[in-house]
Amino acid sequence: MDLADITYFFDCCVGHWSIDRTYHYLTHQEIERSHTDFRVDAITPALRRQVLADNSYGDVANIDQLPGFQLAFRTVSEKGEEVSQELRALFVPRQQEGTVLTGDYLRDRAYEEDRPLVSTFRYSNRELLMTTPYTRVVSVDSILLVNPTMRIRRILNYQRPAEGEALDTLVLVGFGVEQKVEG
């Protein structure tokens, strides 16, 4: 597999980011704005192995070449509510067709649920699409790298459907502009 493009994507993501987002809560017709300070660091070989172990994932070839990151963020909503979290993530490519790379996305902690979690990803043309089935929702999160200092984020949370049913009931839609900052 050719990991050059996704490696470039992750290399550009390393650093400090200033993020402004708008969330549309469709279940109760509320709009909320928030600001996040976000720090992304390269993942170390030891942490790569720990993420695999936390998820009972098994052995992976060329683990030190796989894309991943460690991140920490602090979000403050316009209501003054604060959320902080740190986590590590690893992307294990499984298939490549043309420029589309797909595989598993492993975290030592998930955003919605505080536990290790294996999700799926799709990467093409500087856009990373991550799909995570949580207990109550399925989150489809997109990061589009516009250039090395700007990303556009889209978050779609669907009510988790019955097994085999389509995602068709949105409960939350989020949009964000993410800009890299010095320091």
Protein backbone atom coordinates (compact mmCIF):
# COMPACT_ATOMS: atom_id res chain seq x y z
CA MET A 1 0.00 0.00 0.00
CA ASP A 2 1.12 3.53 -0.72
CA LEU A 3 0.93 5.48 2.54
CA ALA A 4 2.69 8.63 1.25
CA ASP A 5 -0.46 10.79 0.97
CA ILE A 6 -1.98 9.80 4.32
CA THR A 7 1.45 10.21 5.95
CA TYR A 8 1.58 13.77 4.53
CA PHE A 9 -1.92 14.39 5.93
CA PHE A 10 -0.88 13.30 9.42
CA ASP A 11 2.43 15.20 9.24
CA CYS A 12 0.45 18.38 8.47
CA CYS A 13 -1.88 17.69 11.41
CA VAL A 14 0.95 17.73 13.98
CA GLY A 15 0.96 20.99 15.92
CA HIS A 16 -1.40 23.33 17.74
CA TRP A 17 -4.83 24.12 16.31
CA SER A 18 -7.43 26.76 17.11
CA ILE A 19 -10.89 25.42 16.31
CA ASP A 20 -14.26 27.12 16.14
CA ARG A 21 -17.28 24.84 15.72
CA THR A 22 -21.02 25.06 15.49
CA TYR A 23 -23.19 22.14 16.60
CA HIS A 24 -26.80 21.70 15.57
CA TYR A 25 -28.68 19.45 18.02
CA LEU A 26 -31.57 18.19 15.92
CA THR A 27 -33.38 16.34 18.73
CA HIS A 28 -34.13 19.58 20.59
CA GLN A 29 -33.51 22.28 17.95
CA GLU A 30 -30.53 23.91 19.63
CA ILE A 31 -27.44 25.50 18.10
CA GLU A 32 -24.25 25.72 20.14
CA ARG A 33 -20.88 27.26 19.38
CA SER A 34 -17.61 26.23 20.93
CA HIS A 35 -13.89 26.94 20.80
CA THR A 36 -11.24 24.22 21.11
CA ASP A 37 -7.51 24.42 21.63
CA PHE A 38 -6.13 21.23 20.14
CA ARG A 39 -2.60 19.79 20.25
CA VAL A 40 -1.57 16.93 17.95
CA ASP A 41 1.73 15.10 18.40
CA ALA A 42 3.25 12.21 16.48
CA ILE A 43 2.58 8.83 18.09
CA THR A 44 5.57 6.99 19.55
CA PRO A 45 6.34 3.33 18.79
CA ALA A 46 5.53 2.35 22.39
CA LEU A 47 2.15 4.09 22.24
CA ARG A 48 1.36 2.42 18.89
CA ARG A 49 1.81 -0.96 20.55
CA GLN A 50 -0.21 0.13 23.58
CA VAL A 51 -3.17 1.19 21.39
CA LEU A 52 -3.10 -2.23 19.71
CA ALA A 53 -2.96 -3.97 23.10
CA ASP A 54 -5.73 -1.80 24.59
CA ASN A 55 -8.00 -2.89 21.73
CA SER A 56 -6.88 -6.57 21.79
CA TYR A 57 -6.16 -6.07 18.09
CA GLY A 58 -3.34 -8.53 17.56
CA ASP A 59 -0.13 -8.20 15.58
CA VAL A 60 0.19 -5.75 12.70
CA ALA A 61 2.96 -5.76 10.09
CA ASN A 62 5.06 -2.59 9.74
CA ILE A 63 3.48 -1.04 12.84
CA ASP A 64 6.05 1.77 12.99
CA GLN A 65 5.02 2.92 9.50
CA LEU A 66 1.31 3.21 10.31
CA PRO A 67 -0.25 6.66 10.60
CA GLY A 68 -1.39 7.78 14.01
CA PHE A 69 -1.26 10.57 16.57
CA GLN A 70 -1.60 11.56 20.17
CA LEU A 71 -3.84 14.46 20.91
CA ALA A 72 -5.03 16.63 23.75
CA PHE A 73 -7.79 19.18 23.60
CA ARG A 74 -9.76 21.61 25.73
CA THR A 75 -13.16 22.78 24.52
CA VAL A 76 -15.18 25.65 25.98
CA SER A 77 -18.78 26.07 24.83
CA GLU A 78 -20.49 29.43 24.61
CA LYS A 79 -22.36 28.40 27.79
CA GLY A 80 -19.02 28.07 29.59
CA GLU A 81 -19.03 24.27 29.74
CA GLU A 82 -15.53 22.78 29.50
CA VAL A 83 -14.35 19.39 28.25
CA SER A 84 -10.74 18.20 28.16
CA GLN A 85 -9.41 14.90 26.90
CA GLU A 86 -6.24 13.14 25.80
CA LEU A 87 -6.09 10.09 23.58
CA ARG A 88 -3.95 8.11 21.19
CA ALA A 89 -5.07 6.79 17.81
CA LEU A 90 -3.66 4.43 15.23
CA PHE A 91 -4.82 3.85 11.65
CA VAL A 92 -4.37 0.35 10.24
CA PRO A 93 -4.86 0.32 6.44
CA ARG A 94 -6.57 -2.82 5.13
CA GLN A 95 -7.30 -2.10 1.47
CA GLN A 96 -6.37 0.37 -1.25
CA GLU A 97 -8.30 0.90 -4.49
CA GLY A 98 -6.82 3.69 -6.59
CA THR A 99 -6.44 6.69 -4.27
CA VAL A 100 -8.92 5.35 -1.69
CA LEU A 101 -7.39 3.81 1.42
CA THR A 102 -9.65 2.04 3.95
CA GLY A 103 -9.00 0.29 7.22
CA ASP A 104 -9.43 0.29 10.99
CA TYR A 105 -9.12 3.29 13.29
CA LEU A 106 -8.12 2.35 16.85
CA ARG A 107 -8.21 4.61 19.91
CA ASP A 108 -7.25 4.04 23.51
CA ARG A 109 -10.19 6.28 24.51
CA ALA A 110 -13.21 7.24 22.46
CA TYR A 111 -14.81 10.69 22.43
CA GLU A 112 -18.37 9.64 23.31
CA GLU A 113 -17.48 6.66 25.52
CA ASP A 114 -14.43 6.39 27.74
CA ARG A 115 -13.06 3.09 26.50
CA PRO A 116 -10.80 1.67 23.78
CA LEU A 117 -12.61 1.46 20.47
CA VAL A 118 -12.06 0.12 16.96
CA SER A 119 -13.78 2.10 14.19
CA THR A 120 -13.29 2.30 10.43
CA PHE A 121 -11.70 4.96 8.24
CA ARG A 122 -11.65 5.94 4.59
CA TYR A 123 -8.99 8.30 3.24
CA SER A 124 -8.80 9.93 -0.20
CA ASN A 125 -7.70 13.29 -1.61
CA ARG A 126 -6.69 14.77 1.75
CA GLU A 127 -9.99 13.86 3.42
CA LEU A 128 -10.13 11.47 6.36
CA LEU A 129 -13.59 10.02 7.03
CA MET A 130 -13.98 8.11 10.31
CA THR A 131 -17.09 6.09 11.17
CA THR A 132 -17.56 5.08 14.80
CA PRO A 133 -20.43 2.95 16.10
CA TYR A 134 -21.05 4.05 19.68
CA THR A 135 -23.75 2.56 21.91
CA ARG A 136 -26.48 5.11 21.04
CA VAL A 137 -25.14 6.91 17.95
CA VAL A 138 -22.96 6.30 14.92
CA SER A 139 -20.56 9.20 14.37
CA VAL A 140 -19.32 9.99 10.86
CA ASP A 141 -16.50 12.50 11.23
CA SER A 142 -14.69 14.13 8.30
CA ILE A 143 -11.43 16.11 8.36
CA LEU A 144 -10.57 17.82 5.08
CA LEU A 145 -7.02 19.19 4.88
CA VAL A 146 -7.37 22.36 2.79
CA ASN A 147 -3.69 23.22 3.21
CA PRO A 148 -1.04 22.54 5.88
CA THR A 149 -2.54 25.19 8.18
CA MET A 150 -6.30 24.84 7.62
CA ARG A 151 -8.75 21.98 8.01
CA ILE A 152 -12.52 21.81 7.64
CA ARG A 153 -14.37 19.48 9.99
CA ARG A 154 -17.81 17.92 9.57
CA ILE A 155 -19.43 15.76 12.24
CA LEU A 156 -22.64 13.81 11.61
CA ASN A 157 -24.08 11.80 14.49
CA TYR A 158 -26.87 9.42 13.55
CA GLN A 159 -29.20 7.61 15.90
CA ARG A 160 -27.78 4.10 15.92
CA PRO A 161 -30.05 2.00 13.70
CA ALA A 162 -30.97 -1.64 14.15
CA GLU A 163 -28.41 -4.09 12.75
CA GLY A 164 -28.42 -3.97 8.95
CA GLU A 165 -30.52 -0.79 8.74
CA ALA A 166 -29.34 2.42 7.04
CA LEU A 167 -28.09 5.53 8.83
CA ASP A 168 -31.01 7.90 8.30
CA THR A 169 -31.84 9.75 11.53
CA LEU A 170 -29.45 12.61 12.28
CA VAL A 171 -29.32 13.77 15.90
CA LEU A 172 -26.35 16.15 15.66
CA VAL A 173 -24.53 18.01 12.88
CA GLY A 174 -21.30 19.86 13.56
CA PHE A 175 -19.12 22.07 11.39
CA GLY A 176 -15.73 23.50 12.19
CA VAL A 177 -12.92 25.61 10.86
CA GLU A 178 -9.55 24.49 12.21
CA GLN A 179 -6.49 26.71 11.87
CA LYS A 180 -2.94 25.84 12.87
CA VAL A 181 -1.38 28.33 15.28
CA GLU A 182 2.18 28.94 16.39
CA GLY A 183 3.29 27.60 19.77
